[in-house]
Amino acid sequence: MSFNSISEFLTMGGHGLYVWLSYGLGLVVILANLIAPLQAGKRLRAQLTRRLLRESNGS
């Protein structure tokens, strides 16, 4: 498919809204799959640190 202008590219023959929403949703899902495990790991490290400190102070 060939486009003569940026405007035609963005509208994609009337289907641009669906195409760009699909790309946006895909990007959101990919970012969530990258960020969620990082945040979970950070929470886990903080919990383990608190637990180790509690156990070392209690001994």
N, C-alpha and C. Protein backbone atom coordinates (compact mmCIF):
# COMPACT_ATOMS: atom_id res chain seq x y z
N MET A 1 0.85 -1.17 0.00
CA MET A 1 0.00 0.00 0.00
C MET A 1 0.89 1.23 0.00
N SER A 2 0.60 2.16 -0.85
CA SER A 2 1.38 3.38 -0.99
C SER A 2 0.54 4.58 -0.55
N PHE A 3 1.17 5.49 0.18
CA PHE A 3 0.47 6.68 0.66
C PHE A 3 1.13 7.90 0.05
N ASN A 4 0.30 8.87 -0.34
CA ASN A 4 0.81 10.09 -0.96
C ASN A 4 1.12 11.18 0.05
N SER A 5 0.61 11.05 1.27
CA SER A 5 0.87 12.07 2.29
C SER A 5 0.81 11.43 3.67
N ILE A 6 1.28 12.17 4.63
CA ILE A 6 1.25 11.71 6.03
C ILE A 6 -0.19 11.55 6.48
N SER A 7 -1.05 12.46 6.05
CA SER A 7 -2.46 12.40 6.41
C SER A 7 -3.10 11.10 5.93
N GLU A 8 -2.80 10.70 4.70
CA GLU A 8 -3.32 9.43 4.19
C GLU A 8 -2.78 8.24 4.98
N PHE A 9 -1.51 8.35 5.36
CA PHE A 9 -0.90 7.28 6.15
C PHE A 9 -1.61 7.15 7.50
N LEU A 10 -1.88 8.26 8.15
CA LEU A 10 -2.52 8.23 9.47
C LEU A 10 -3.96 7.75 9.40
N THR A 11 -4.68 8.11 8.36
CA THR A 11 -6.08 7.69 8.25
C THR A 11 -6.22 6.28 7.70
N MET A 12 -5.23 5.82 6.95
CA MET A 12 -5.18 4.46 6.40
C MET A 12 -6.49 4.06 5.74
N GLY A 13 -6.97 4.90 4.87
CA GLY A 13 -8.18 4.58 4.11
C GLY A 13 -9.41 4.43 4.98
N GLY A 14 -9.48 5.18 6.06
CA GLY A 14 -10.65 5.12 6.95
C GLY A 14 -10.51 4.12 8.09
N HIS A 15 -9.43 3.36 8.10
CA HIS A 15 -9.23 2.36 9.15
C HIS A 15 -8.16 2.77 10.16
N GLY A 16 -7.67 3.97 10.04
CA GLY A 16 -6.58 4.45 10.90
C GLY A 16 -6.89 4.37 12.38
N LEU A 17 -8.10 4.72 12.77
CA LEU A 17 -8.47 4.69 14.18
C LEU A 17 -8.26 3.30 14.76
N TYR A 18 -8.72 2.30 14.07
CA TYR A 18 -8.61 0.92 14.55
C TYR A 18 -7.16 0.44 14.53
N VAL A 19 -6.44 0.80 13.49
CA VAL A 19 -5.04 0.39 13.37
C VAL A 19 -4.22 1.00 14.50
N TRP A 20 -4.34 2.32 14.71
CA TRP A 20 -3.53 2.99 15.72
C TRP A 20 -3.95 2.60 17.13
N LEU A 21 -5.25 2.35 17.35
CA LEU A 21 -5.68 1.85 18.65
C LEU A 21 -5.10 0.46 18.93
N SER A 22 -5.01 -0.37 17.90
CA SER A 22 -4.43 -1.70 18.06
C SER A 22 -2.95 -1.60 18.42
N TYR A 23 -2.24 -0.74 17.70
CA TYR A 23 -0.83 -0.54 18.02
C TYR A 23 -0.67 -0.01 19.45
N GLY A 24 -1.49 0.95 19.82
CA GLY A 24 -1.42 1.52 21.17
C GLY A 24 -1.71 0.49 22.24
N LEU A 25 -2.75 -0.29 22.04
CA LEU A 25 -3.09 -1.32 23.02
C LEU A 25 -1.99 -2.37 23.11
N GLY A 26 -1.43 -2.75 21.97
CA GLY A 26 -0.32 -3.70 21.97
C GLY A 26 0.87 -3.17 22.74
N LEU A 27 1.18 -1.90 22.55
CA LEU A 27 2.29 -1.27 23.27
C LEU A 27 2.02 -1.25 24.77
N VAL A 28 0.80 -0.93 25.17
CA VAL A 28 0.44 -0.92 26.59
C VAL A 28 0.63 -2.31 27.21
N VAL A 29 0.19 -3.34 26.51
CA VAL A 29 0.33 -4.71 27.01
C VAL A 29 1.80 -5.10 27.14
N ILE A 30 2.60 -4.77 26.14
CA ILE A 30 4.03 -5.09 26.18
C ILE A 30 4.69 -4.36 27.34
N LEU A 31 4.40 -3.08 27.52
CA LEU A 31 4.99 -2.32 28.62
C LEU A 31 4.56 -2.88 29.98
N ALA A 32 3.29 -3.27 30.09
CA ALA A 32 2.82 -3.86 31.35
C ALA A 32 3.56 -5.16 31.64
N ASN A 33 3.83 -5.95 30.59
CA ASN A 33 4.55 -7.20 30.78
C ASN A 33 6.02 -6.98 31.13
N LEU A 34 6.55 -5.82 30.83
CA LEU A 34 7.91 -5.50 31.21
C LEU A 34 7.97 -4.88 32.61
N ILE A 35 7.03 -4.02 32.92
CA ILE A 35 7.08 -3.25 34.16
C ILE A 35 6.59 -4.05 35.36
N ALA A 36 5.53 -4.83 35.21
CA ALA A 36 4.95 -5.56 36.35
C ALA A 36 5.96 -6.47 37.05
N PRO A 37 6.73 -7.29 36.34
CA PRO A 37 7.70 -8.13 37.04
C PRO A 37 8.80 -7.33 37.73
N LEU A 38 9.19 -6.20 37.15
CA LEU A 38 10.20 -5.36 37.79
C LEU A 38 9.69 -4.81 39.11
N GLN A 39 8.42 -4.37 39.12
CA GLN A 39 7.84 -3.85 40.36
C GLN A 39 7.66 -4.96 41.38
N ALA A 40 7.27 -6.14 40.94
CA ALA A 40 7.09 -7.27 41.86
C ALA A 40 8.43 -7.65 42.48
N GLY A 41 9.49 -7.65 41.68
CA GLY A 41 10.82 -7.96 42.20
C GLY A 41 11.28 -6.93 43.22
N LYS A 42 10.98 -5.68 42.95
CA LYS A 42 11.35 -4.60 43.88
C LYS A 42 10.63 -4.78 45.21
N ARG A 43 9.32 -5.11 45.15
CA ARG A 43 8.55 -5.34 46.38
C ARG A 43 9.10 -6.55 47.14
N LEU A 44 9.44 -7.60 46.42
CA LEU A 44 9.97 -8.81 47.05
C LEU A 44 11.30 -8.52 47.74
N ARG A 45 12.19 -7.79 47.08
CA ARG A 45 13.47 -7.44 47.70
C ARG A 45 13.25 -6.61 48.96
N ALA A 46 12.30 -5.67 48.92
CA ALA A 46 12.02 -4.84 50.10
C ALA A 46 11.47 -5.70 51.24
N GLN A 47 10.58 -6.64 50.92
CA GLN A 47 10.04 -7.53 51.96
C GLN A 47 11.13 -8.40 52.56
N LEU A 48 12.00 -8.93 51.73
CA LEU A 48 13.09 -9.78 52.23
C LEU A 48 14.05 -8.97 53.09
N THR A 49 14.32 -7.74 52.69
CA THR A 49 15.21 -6.88 53.48
C THR A 49 14.60 -6.61 54.85
N ARG A 50 13.29 -6.27 54.88
CA ARG A 50 12.63 -6.03 56.17
C ARG A 50 12.65 -7.28 57.03
N ARG A 51 12.41 -8.43 56.42
CA ARG A 51 12.39 -9.69 57.16
C ARG A 51 13.77 -9.99 57.73
N LEU A 52 14.82 -9.81 56.94
CA LEU A 52 16.18 -10.07 57.43
C LEU A 52 16.54 -9.12 58.57
N LEU A 53 16.15 -7.87 58.45
CA LEU A 53 16.42 -6.91 59.51
C LEU A 53 15.67 -7.27 60.80
N ARG A 54 14.42 -7.69 60.65
CA ARG A 54 13.62 -8.11 61.80
C ARG A 54 14.24 -9.31 62.49
N GLU A 55 14.66 -10.29 61.67
CA GLU A 55 15.25 -11.51 62.23
C GLU A 55 16.60 -11.24 62.87
N SER A 56 17.41 -10.35 62.30
CA SER A 56 18.73 -10.07 62.87
C SER A 56 18.60 -9.25 64.16
N ASN A 57 17.59 -8.40 64.26
CA ASN A 57 17.38 -7.61 65.47
C ASN A 57 16.75 -8.45 66.59
N GLY A 58 16.02 -9.47 66.23
CA GLY A 58 15.35 -10.32 67.23
C GLY A 58 16.27 -11.34 67.86
N SER A 59 17.40 -11.62 67.24
CA SER A 59 18.30 -12.67 67.75
C SER A 59 19.16 -12.20 68.88
